Every structure is written in C-alpha cells, then in structure tokens.
N, C-alpha and C. Protein backbone atom coordinates (compact mmCIF):
# COMPACT_ATOMS: atom_id res chain seq x y z
N MET A 1 106.91 65.54 -77.60
CA MET A 1 107.06 66.64 -76.65
C MET A 1 106.30 66.24 -75.39
N SER A 2 106.86 66.60 -74.26
CA SER A 2 106.23 66.31 -72.98
C SER A 2 106.10 67.60 -72.19
N VAL A 3 104.90 67.89 -71.73
CA VAL A 3 104.67 69.08 -70.91
C VAL A 3 104.09 68.62 -69.58
N THR A 4 104.76 68.97 -68.51
CA THR A 4 104.24 68.68 -67.18
C THR A 4 103.85 70.01 -66.55
N ALA A 5 102.64 70.08 -66.04
CA ALA A 5 102.19 71.35 -65.47
C ALA A 5 101.28 71.08 -64.29
N THR A 6 101.39 71.92 -63.30
CA THR A 6 100.43 71.90 -62.20
C THR A 6 99.32 72.86 -62.58
N PRO A 7 98.16 72.76 -61.96
CA PRO A 7 97.07 73.66 -62.34
C PRO A 7 97.45 75.13 -62.16
N ALA A 8 97.06 75.92 -63.12
CA ALA A 8 97.27 77.37 -63.04
C ALA A 8 95.96 78.00 -62.64
N THR A 9 95.94 78.62 -61.51
CA THR A 9 94.74 79.25 -61.02
C THR A 9 94.94 80.76 -61.02
N PRO A 10 94.08 81.50 -61.70
CA PRO A 10 94.25 82.96 -61.68
C PRO A 10 93.96 83.52 -60.29
N ARG A 11 94.70 84.58 -59.95
CA ARG A 11 94.52 85.27 -58.68
C ARG A 11 94.43 86.75 -58.98
N THR A 12 93.47 87.42 -58.39
CA THR A 12 93.34 88.86 -58.56
C THR A 12 93.54 89.54 -57.22
N ASP A 13 94.45 90.50 -57.19
CA ASP A 13 94.71 91.30 -55.99
C ASP A 13 94.56 92.77 -56.38
N GLN A 14 93.42 93.35 -56.04
CA GLN A 14 93.17 94.76 -56.34
C GLN A 14 93.32 95.02 -57.83
N GLU A 15 94.49 95.45 -58.27
CA GLU A 15 94.69 95.82 -59.67
C GLU A 15 95.78 94.99 -60.34
N THR A 16 95.89 93.76 -59.91
CA THR A 16 96.83 92.82 -60.53
C THR A 16 96.12 91.47 -60.62
N VAL A 17 96.28 90.81 -61.76
CA VAL A 17 95.79 89.45 -61.90
C VAL A 17 97.01 88.61 -62.27
N SER A 18 97.08 87.40 -61.71
CA SER A 18 98.23 86.56 -62.01
C SER A 18 97.83 85.10 -62.00
N ALA A 19 98.67 84.28 -62.61
CA ALA A 19 98.50 82.83 -62.61
C ALA A 19 99.88 82.22 -62.56
N THR A 20 99.96 81.03 -61.97
CA THR A 20 101.23 80.35 -61.80
C THR A 20 101.12 78.93 -62.35
N LEU A 21 102.18 78.50 -63.01
CA LEU A 21 102.23 77.16 -63.59
C LEU A 21 103.64 76.61 -63.41
N THR A 22 103.74 75.34 -63.08
CA THR A 22 105.04 74.68 -63.04
C THR A 22 105.30 74.07 -64.41
N VAL A 23 106.45 74.41 -64.98
CA VAL A 23 106.80 74.04 -66.35
C VAL A 23 107.99 73.09 -66.33
N ALA A 24 107.93 72.04 -67.14
CA ALA A 24 109.00 71.05 -67.22
C ALA A 24 110.06 71.53 -68.21
N ALA A 25 110.81 72.54 -67.79
CA ALA A 25 111.92 73.10 -68.58
C ALA A 25 112.78 73.90 -67.61
N SER A 26 113.98 74.19 -68.02
CA SER A 26 114.85 75.00 -67.16
C SER A 26 114.41 76.46 -67.17
N ALA A 27 114.75 77.18 -66.11
CA ALA A 27 114.45 78.61 -66.05
C ALA A 27 115.15 79.33 -67.20
N THR A 28 116.35 78.90 -67.54
CA THR A 28 117.10 79.53 -68.64
C THR A 28 116.35 79.37 -69.96
N ARG A 29 115.81 78.17 -70.21
CA ARG A 29 115.07 77.92 -71.45
C ARG A 29 113.78 78.74 -71.49
N VAL A 30 113.04 78.76 -70.41
CA VAL A 30 111.78 79.52 -70.37
C VAL A 30 112.07 81.00 -70.56
N PHE A 31 113.10 81.52 -69.90
CA PHE A 31 113.44 82.93 -70.04
C PHE A 31 113.80 83.24 -71.50
N ALA A 32 114.55 82.35 -72.15
CA ALA A 32 114.94 82.57 -73.54
C ALA A 32 113.71 82.66 -74.45
N VAL A 33 112.71 81.85 -74.19
CA VAL A 33 111.48 81.91 -74.99
C VAL A 33 110.78 83.25 -74.76
N LEU A 34 110.73 83.69 -73.51
CA LEU A 34 110.07 84.96 -73.20
C LEU A 34 110.83 86.16 -73.76
N ALA A 35 112.15 86.06 -73.85
CA ALA A 35 112.97 87.17 -74.34
C ALA A 35 113.02 87.22 -75.86
N ASP A 36 112.32 86.33 -76.53
CA ASP A 36 112.29 86.27 -77.99
C ASP A 36 110.93 86.78 -78.49
N PRO A 37 110.86 88.00 -79.00
CA PRO A 37 109.57 88.54 -79.45
C PRO A 37 108.89 87.70 -80.53
N THR A 38 109.65 86.88 -81.25
CA THR A 38 109.03 86.06 -82.29
C THR A 38 108.17 84.94 -81.72
N THR A 39 108.27 84.68 -80.42
CA THR A 39 107.44 83.65 -79.79
C THR A 39 106.18 84.22 -79.14
N HIS A 40 106.07 85.53 -79.04
CA HIS A 40 104.98 86.13 -78.27
C HIS A 40 103.59 85.84 -78.84
N ALA A 41 103.45 85.76 -80.15
CA ALA A 41 102.13 85.44 -80.73
C ALA A 41 101.73 84.02 -80.34
N ALA A 42 102.69 83.10 -80.32
CA ALA A 42 102.39 81.71 -79.95
C ALA A 42 102.11 81.57 -78.46
N ILE A 43 102.68 82.44 -77.63
CA ILE A 43 102.44 82.40 -76.19
C ILE A 43 101.08 83.00 -75.85
N ASP A 44 100.69 84.05 -76.53
CA ASP A 44 99.48 84.82 -76.22
C ASP A 44 98.24 83.93 -76.11
N GLY A 45 97.52 84.07 -75.02
CA GLY A 45 96.32 83.28 -74.78
C GLY A 45 95.05 83.86 -75.35
N THR A 46 95.11 85.06 -75.94
CA THR A 46 93.90 85.69 -76.49
C THR A 46 93.83 85.63 -78.01
N GLY A 47 94.97 85.50 -78.67
CA GLY A 47 95.02 85.56 -80.12
C GLY A 47 95.16 86.97 -80.64
N TRP A 48 95.32 87.95 -79.76
CA TRP A 48 95.45 89.35 -80.18
C TRP A 48 96.83 89.66 -80.76
N VAL A 49 97.88 89.06 -80.20
CA VAL A 49 99.25 89.32 -80.68
C VAL A 49 99.41 88.63 -82.02
N GLN A 50 99.87 89.36 -83.02
CA GLN A 50 100.00 88.82 -84.36
C GLN A 50 101.46 88.55 -84.75
N GLU A 51 102.23 89.58 -84.97
CA GLU A 51 103.61 89.46 -85.43
C GLU A 51 104.48 90.50 -84.75
N PRO A 52 105.73 90.16 -84.49
CA PRO A 52 106.63 91.18 -83.96
C PRO A 52 107.08 92.11 -85.09
N ALA A 53 107.04 93.38 -84.84
CA ALA A 53 107.60 94.34 -85.80
C ALA A 53 109.09 94.48 -85.55
N ASP A 54 109.52 94.19 -84.33
CA ASP A 54 110.93 94.18 -83.96
C ASP A 54 111.25 92.76 -83.50
N ARG A 55 112.19 92.12 -84.20
CA ARG A 55 112.45 90.70 -83.96
C ARG A 55 113.68 90.43 -83.10
N ALA A 56 114.42 91.47 -82.72
CA ALA A 56 115.64 91.27 -81.94
C ALA A 56 115.29 90.75 -80.55
N PRO A 57 116.09 89.83 -80.02
CA PRO A 57 115.85 89.34 -78.67
C PRO A 57 115.91 90.48 -77.64
N LEU A 58 115.16 90.32 -76.58
CA LEU A 58 115.17 91.30 -75.49
C LEU A 58 116.41 91.05 -74.65
N THR A 59 117.16 92.12 -74.38
CA THR A 59 118.45 91.95 -73.70
C THR A 59 118.65 92.88 -72.51
N GLU A 60 117.77 93.89 -72.34
CA GLU A 60 118.01 94.82 -71.23
C GLU A 60 116.76 95.66 -70.94
N ALA A 61 116.70 96.16 -69.73
CA ALA A 61 115.64 97.10 -69.35
C ALA A 61 115.80 98.36 -70.19
N GLY A 62 114.68 98.95 -70.58
CA GLY A 62 114.68 100.14 -71.41
C GLY A 62 114.54 99.84 -72.89
N GLN A 63 114.75 98.60 -73.29
CA GLN A 63 114.64 98.21 -74.69
C GLN A 63 113.19 98.35 -75.16
N ILE A 64 113.02 98.81 -76.38
CA ILE A 64 111.70 98.98 -77.00
C ILE A 64 111.51 97.87 -78.03
N PHE A 65 110.31 97.29 -78.04
CA PHE A 65 109.97 96.36 -79.11
C PHE A 65 108.48 96.53 -79.44
N ARG A 66 108.17 96.39 -80.71
CA ARG A 66 106.82 96.63 -81.21
C ARG A 66 106.18 95.32 -81.65
N MET A 67 104.86 95.24 -81.47
CA MET A 67 104.11 94.06 -81.89
C MET A 67 102.88 94.50 -82.67
N ASP A 68 102.60 93.78 -83.75
CA ASP A 68 101.37 93.99 -84.49
C ASP A 68 100.27 93.19 -83.79
N MET A 69 99.12 93.81 -83.67
CA MET A 69 98.01 93.25 -82.90
C MET A 69 96.73 93.24 -83.75
N ARG A 70 95.77 92.44 -83.29
CA ARG A 70 94.44 92.44 -83.89
C ARG A 70 93.44 92.20 -82.76
N HIS A 71 92.45 93.10 -82.68
CA HIS A 71 91.41 92.96 -81.66
C HIS A 71 90.11 93.49 -82.25
N PRO A 72 89.05 92.69 -82.21
CA PRO A 72 87.79 93.14 -82.80
C PRO A 72 87.19 94.36 -82.12
N GLY A 73 87.52 94.59 -80.86
CA GLY A 73 86.99 95.75 -80.15
C GLY A 73 87.82 97.01 -80.31
N HIS A 74 88.96 96.90 -80.97
CA HIS A 74 89.82 98.09 -81.18
C HIS A 74 89.24 98.92 -82.33
N PRO A 75 89.31 100.24 -82.24
CA PRO A 75 88.73 101.09 -83.29
C PRO A 75 89.26 100.79 -84.70
N HIS A 76 90.49 100.31 -84.80
CA HIS A 76 91.07 100.03 -86.12
C HIS A 76 91.17 98.53 -86.41
N GLY A 77 90.82 97.68 -85.46
CA GLY A 77 90.95 96.23 -85.65
C GLY A 77 92.40 95.80 -85.56
N ASP A 78 93.19 96.16 -86.59
CA ASP A 78 94.63 95.91 -86.61
C ASP A 78 95.34 97.16 -86.11
N TYR A 79 96.33 96.96 -85.26
CA TYR A 79 97.06 98.09 -84.71
C TYR A 79 98.44 97.61 -84.26
N ARG A 80 99.27 98.52 -83.84
CA ARG A 80 100.61 98.19 -83.37
C ARG A 80 100.80 98.76 -81.97
N VAL A 81 101.38 97.95 -81.09
CA VAL A 81 101.73 98.43 -79.76
C VAL A 81 103.25 98.56 -79.66
N VAL A 82 103.65 99.42 -78.75
CA VAL A 82 105.05 99.60 -78.41
C VAL A 82 105.21 99.10 -76.99
N ASN A 83 106.21 98.28 -76.76
CA ASN A 83 106.49 97.74 -75.44
C ASN A 83 107.85 98.23 -74.98
N LYS A 84 107.96 98.54 -73.70
CA LYS A 84 109.23 98.96 -73.12
C LYS A 84 109.57 97.99 -71.99
N VAL A 85 110.73 97.34 -72.13
CA VAL A 85 111.16 96.39 -71.11
C VAL A 85 111.44 97.15 -69.82
N GLU A 86 110.73 96.80 -68.77
CA GLU A 86 110.87 97.43 -67.47
C GLU A 86 111.66 96.56 -66.50
N VAL A 87 111.53 95.24 -66.66
CA VAL A 87 112.18 94.28 -65.77
C VAL A 87 112.99 93.33 -66.64
N PHE A 88 114.27 93.21 -66.33
CA PHE A 88 115.11 92.24 -67.05
C PHE A 88 116.14 91.69 -66.07
N ASP A 89 115.84 90.54 -65.52
CA ASP A 89 116.69 89.89 -64.54
C ASP A 89 116.83 88.42 -64.94
N ARG A 90 117.71 88.17 -65.90
CA ARG A 90 117.90 86.83 -66.46
C ARG A 90 118.40 85.89 -65.39
N PRO A 91 117.87 84.70 -65.22
CA PRO A 91 116.66 84.09 -65.77
C PRO A 91 115.49 84.12 -64.79
N ARG A 92 115.40 85.17 -63.99
CA ARG A 92 114.38 85.21 -62.92
C ARG A 92 113.14 86.03 -63.23
N ALA A 93 113.25 87.10 -63.99
CA ALA A 93 112.08 87.96 -64.22
C ALA A 93 112.25 88.78 -65.49
N ILE A 94 111.14 88.96 -66.18
CA ILE A 94 111.11 89.82 -67.36
C ILE A 94 109.71 90.44 -67.44
N GLY A 95 109.65 91.71 -67.79
CA GLY A 95 108.36 92.37 -67.87
C GLY A 95 108.42 93.63 -68.72
N TRP A 96 107.28 94.04 -69.26
CA TRP A 96 107.24 95.21 -70.12
C TRP A 96 105.93 95.98 -69.98
N LEU A 97 106.06 97.28 -70.17
CA LEU A 97 104.91 98.18 -70.26
C LEU A 97 104.44 98.21 -71.71
N THR A 98 103.15 98.38 -71.92
CA THR A 98 102.60 98.43 -73.27
C THR A 98 102.00 99.81 -73.53
N GLY A 99 102.22 100.31 -74.74
CA GLY A 99 101.69 101.61 -75.13
C GLY A 99 101.63 101.73 -76.64
N TYR A 100 101.81 102.94 -77.12
CA TYR A 100 101.75 103.18 -78.57
C TYR A 100 102.71 104.30 -78.93
N GLU A 101 102.97 104.41 -80.23
CA GLU A 101 103.83 105.47 -80.74
C GLU A 101 102.94 106.59 -81.28
N LYS A 102 103.18 107.81 -80.78
CA LYS A 102 102.41 108.97 -81.21
C LYS A 102 102.87 109.41 -82.60
N ALA A 103 102.11 110.26 -83.22
CA ALA A 103 102.43 110.76 -84.56
C ALA A 103 103.79 111.46 -84.60
N ASP A 104 104.20 112.06 -83.48
CA ASP A 104 105.49 112.77 -83.45
C ASP A 104 106.66 111.84 -83.11
N GLY A 105 106.39 110.52 -83.00
CA GLY A 105 107.45 109.55 -82.74
C GLY A 105 107.70 109.27 -81.27
N ARG A 106 107.07 110.03 -80.37
CA ARG A 106 107.23 109.76 -78.94
C ARG A 106 106.34 108.59 -78.54
N PHE A 107 106.72 107.95 -77.45
CA PHE A 107 105.96 106.81 -76.96
C PHE A 107 105.09 107.22 -75.79
N GLU A 108 103.91 106.64 -75.72
CA GLU A 108 103.01 106.84 -74.60
C GLU A 108 102.62 105.46 -74.08
N PHE A 109 102.83 105.25 -72.79
CA PHE A 109 102.51 103.97 -72.18
C PHE A 109 101.29 104.12 -71.30
N GLY A 110 100.43 103.10 -71.31
CA GLY A 110 99.15 103.18 -70.63
C GLY A 110 99.18 102.92 -69.14
N GLY A 111 100.27 102.37 -68.63
CA GLY A 111 100.35 102.11 -67.20
C GLY A 111 100.12 100.66 -66.82
N TRP A 112 99.97 99.76 -67.81
CA TRP A 112 99.82 98.35 -67.48
C TRP A 112 101.11 97.61 -67.79
N LEU A 113 101.43 96.64 -66.95
CA LEU A 113 102.69 95.91 -67.01
C LEU A 113 102.42 94.42 -67.10
N TRP A 114 103.06 93.78 -68.07
CA TRP A 114 103.09 92.33 -68.19
C TRP A 114 104.38 91.86 -67.54
N ARG A 115 104.32 90.88 -66.65
CA ARG A 115 105.53 90.42 -65.97
C ARG A 115 105.49 88.91 -65.78
N TYR A 116 106.65 88.29 -66.02
CA TYR A 116 106.85 86.87 -65.77
C TYR A 116 107.93 86.74 -64.70
N ASP A 117 107.61 86.01 -63.63
CA ASP A 117 108.58 85.71 -62.59
C ASP A 117 108.84 84.21 -62.62
N LEU A 118 110.11 83.83 -62.61
CA LEU A 118 110.51 82.44 -62.72
C LEU A 118 111.27 82.03 -61.47
N VAL A 119 110.89 80.90 -60.90
CA VAL A 119 111.58 80.34 -59.74
C VAL A 119 111.99 78.92 -60.11
N ALA A 120 113.29 78.69 -60.24
CA ALA A 120 113.79 77.36 -60.57
C ALA A 120 113.47 76.40 -59.43
N LEU A 121 112.88 75.26 -59.77
CA LEU A 121 112.58 74.23 -58.78
C LEU A 121 113.57 73.09 -58.90
N GLY A 122 114.42 73.16 -59.88
CA GLY A 122 115.42 72.15 -60.17
C GLY A 122 116.01 72.45 -61.53
N PRO A 123 116.89 71.60 -62.04
CA PRO A 123 117.54 71.89 -63.32
C PRO A 123 116.60 71.85 -64.52
N SER A 124 115.47 71.14 -64.38
CA SER A 124 114.56 71.03 -65.52
C SER A 124 113.09 71.27 -65.12
N GLU A 125 112.90 72.16 -64.14
CA GLU A 125 111.55 72.50 -63.72
C GLU A 125 111.56 73.91 -63.15
N VAL A 126 110.57 74.70 -63.55
CA VAL A 126 110.51 76.09 -63.12
C VAL A 126 109.06 76.48 -62.86
N GLU A 127 108.85 77.23 -61.79
CA GLU A 127 107.53 77.80 -61.51
C GLU A 127 107.48 79.17 -62.17
N VAL A 128 106.49 79.37 -63.02
CA VAL A 128 106.35 80.62 -63.76
C VAL A 128 105.07 81.31 -63.32
N THR A 129 105.19 82.56 -62.90
CA THR A 129 104.02 83.37 -62.56
C THR A 129 103.92 84.50 -63.58
N LEU A 130 102.79 84.55 -64.24
CA LEU A 130 102.49 85.62 -65.19
C LEU A 130 101.53 86.58 -64.50
N SER A 131 101.91 87.87 -64.48
CA SER A 131 101.08 88.91 -63.85
C SER A 131 100.77 90.01 -64.84
N TYR A 132 99.57 90.53 -64.72
CA TYR A 132 99.14 91.72 -65.46
C TYR A 132 98.74 92.73 -64.40
N ASP A 133 99.47 93.84 -64.35
CA ASP A 133 99.29 94.86 -63.30
C ASP A 133 98.85 96.16 -63.96
N TRP A 134 97.66 96.63 -63.61
CA TRP A 134 97.16 97.88 -64.18
C TRP A 134 97.05 98.98 -63.13
N SER A 135 97.77 98.84 -62.02
CA SER A 135 97.67 99.81 -60.93
C SER A 135 98.19 101.19 -61.29
N ALA A 136 99.05 101.30 -62.31
CA ALA A 136 99.61 102.60 -62.70
C ALA A 136 98.84 103.25 -63.85
N VAL A 137 97.69 102.70 -64.23
CA VAL A 137 96.90 103.30 -65.31
C VAL A 137 96.34 104.63 -64.81
N PRO A 138 96.63 105.73 -65.53
CA PRO A 138 96.14 107.04 -65.09
C PRO A 138 94.61 107.15 -65.21
N GLN A 139 94.05 108.05 -64.44
CA GLN A 139 92.61 108.21 -64.39
C GLN A 139 92.01 108.55 -65.76
N PHE A 140 92.71 109.37 -66.56
CA PHE A 140 92.12 109.76 -67.85
C PHE A 140 91.92 108.55 -68.76
N ILE A 141 92.74 107.52 -68.63
CA ILE A 141 92.54 106.30 -69.41
C ILE A 141 91.39 105.49 -68.83
N ARG A 142 91.32 105.41 -67.52
CA ARG A 142 90.22 104.70 -66.86
C ARG A 142 88.87 105.35 -67.20
N ASP A 143 88.88 106.67 -67.36
CA ASP A 143 87.65 107.40 -67.68
C ASP A 143 87.12 107.08 -69.07
N ARG A 144 87.94 106.48 -69.92
CA ARG A 144 87.50 106.09 -71.27
C ARG A 144 86.59 104.87 -71.25
N GLY A 145 86.44 104.27 -70.09
CA GLY A 145 85.56 103.10 -69.98
C GLY A 145 86.24 101.79 -70.34
N ILE A 146 87.56 101.78 -70.40
CA ILE A 146 88.29 100.55 -70.69
C ILE A 146 88.20 99.65 -69.47
N GLN A 147 87.85 98.40 -69.70
CA GLN A 147 87.76 97.43 -68.62
C GLN A 147 89.15 96.88 -68.32
N PHE A 148 89.49 96.76 -67.04
CA PHE A 148 90.74 96.15 -66.63
C PHE A 148 90.45 94.97 -65.72
N PRO A 149 91.05 93.84 -66.00
CA PRO A 149 91.84 93.54 -67.18
C PRO A 149 90.93 93.39 -68.40
N PRO A 150 91.48 93.63 -69.60
CA PRO A 150 90.65 93.60 -70.81
C PRO A 150 90.46 92.20 -71.38
N PHE A 151 90.66 91.18 -70.57
CA PHE A 151 90.55 89.79 -71.02
C PHE A 151 90.00 88.97 -69.86
N GLY A 152 89.52 87.78 -70.17
CA GLY A 152 88.99 86.90 -69.14
C GLY A 152 90.10 86.16 -68.40
N PRO A 153 89.74 85.49 -67.30
CA PRO A 153 90.74 84.82 -66.47
C PRO A 153 91.49 83.70 -67.19
N SER A 154 90.88 83.12 -68.20
CA SER A 154 91.56 82.02 -68.91
C SER A 154 92.76 82.49 -69.71
N HIS A 155 92.84 83.79 -70.01
CA HIS A 155 93.96 84.30 -70.82
C HIS A 155 95.31 83.97 -70.21
N LEU A 156 95.50 84.25 -68.94
CA LEU A 156 96.79 84.01 -68.31
C LEU A 156 97.10 82.52 -68.27
N ILE A 157 96.11 81.72 -67.96
CA ILE A 157 96.31 80.28 -67.91
C ILE A 157 96.69 79.74 -69.29
N ASN A 158 95.95 80.17 -70.31
CA ASN A 158 96.26 79.74 -71.68
C ASN A 158 97.68 80.14 -72.07
N SER A 159 98.06 81.37 -71.74
CA SER A 159 99.40 81.85 -72.07
C SER A 159 100.47 81.00 -71.41
N LEU A 160 100.27 80.66 -70.15
CA LEU A 160 101.26 79.85 -69.45
C LEU A 160 101.36 78.45 -70.06
N HIS A 161 100.25 77.87 -70.45
CA HIS A 161 100.29 76.55 -71.09
C HIS A 161 100.97 76.63 -72.45
N HIS A 162 100.72 77.69 -73.20
CA HIS A 162 101.42 77.87 -74.49
C HIS A 162 102.92 78.00 -74.26
N LEU A 163 103.30 78.80 -73.26
CA LEU A 163 104.72 78.96 -72.93
C LEU A 163 105.33 77.62 -72.56
N ALA A 164 104.64 76.82 -71.77
CA ALA A 164 105.16 75.50 -71.38
C ALA A 164 105.42 74.63 -72.59
N GLY A 165 104.51 74.67 -73.55
CA GLY A 165 104.69 73.88 -74.77
C GLY A 165 105.87 74.33 -75.59
N LEU A 166 106.06 75.64 -75.67
CA LEU A 166 107.19 76.18 -76.45
C LEU A 166 108.53 75.91 -75.78
N ALA A 167 108.55 75.91 -74.46
CA ALA A 167 109.80 75.74 -73.72
C ALA A 167 110.18 74.30 -73.47
N ALA A 168 109.21 73.40 -73.64
CA ALA A 168 109.48 71.99 -73.33
C ALA A 168 110.59 71.44 -74.21
N PRO A 169 111.46 70.62 -73.62
CA PRO A 169 112.51 70.01 -74.42
C PRO A 169 111.88 69.07 -75.46
N THR A 170 112.47 69.02 -76.61
CA THR A 170 111.98 68.12 -77.66
C THR A 170 112.70 66.79 -77.57
N ARG A 171 111.99 65.75 -77.91
CA ARG A 171 112.59 64.40 -77.91
C ARG A 171 113.34 64.21 -79.21
N ARG A 172 114.43 63.46 -79.12
CA ARG A 172 115.21 63.15 -80.34
C ARG A 172 114.91 61.75 -80.79
C-alpha cells in the first residue's frame, strides 16, 4: 500500500476546527470510504467510535445512522450516538450532525457537525478537508461545561491519515 500525503495542519476559526490532507486516491474512492459507516471506527482518530449499529451505506441527506461509542469521560463509558446526514454531494462533500435517541424514540442533535470536503486534484489525488463545527451548539449544552472541541488537535490529522490509508489503492 502506498499513501502520499501533504502535512495536515489543524486550523481553528472561532467555532470550527479543520485539517486538510492530500490523499493519493480518487475523490470517488475517498467518498465511498466516508459513505460506508463500517469504516468509521478505522477512520476515527480518537478511538471513541467502536461499531456501526447501522451498516447501510450513506446515500442521501436526511439519512440516520447510529454508532456505538466508548469514551472514558462519558457518564456511561459505552454509549450510542445517532447521526443525521446533513450534507451529501457525491463525490465532493459529506457531513453529519451527531446526537442521541431519546427514550420516546425522538432524536436530539447537539449542534455539532462533522464534514468532509473533497477537491479532486487529478484522477488519483484528492484534497480532503475534515471540519468539526460546533457553532450551532445551543447555550444550554454549553452551560454543561462541555469543552469544544472535545478532542485535541491531533484528532483531525489522525483521522485524515487513517482515511488516506483506507482509501489508498492496493497493489496487486
């Protein structure tokens, strides 16, 4: 396997943090990896994402998919999040809001958005920008003392490198 990448430097703008990496794969291939919930644990740079509870590929805005998570700082340690696809523009952009399912079956989203923007640089090279935007987090959630972003700057960089490895063409 060969992975070519330019340095990914995190950037913070008010309430968004992002990092960009050039990946040696087509935009179509990278998008396919991102649209497959079964790859999300391998992409995650924190180790919090565990297993997809919904394994169907992401195909449209509005789609819901759930992920099992583990975080030592979470009150339950193991928990499940609900994600709602907000951006679906194959093969240029994909993004989702994260929240949880209430006891009555309704979904509540916290106001933070994960987004990947892809810019094809050629048939086998794509610039990928991963952004975490918490600008829509309501005040009552901020008042709980949750730190935003809830991870260090290396998370986005690690995630992009993991994505590059998963998307890289394999040698025969």
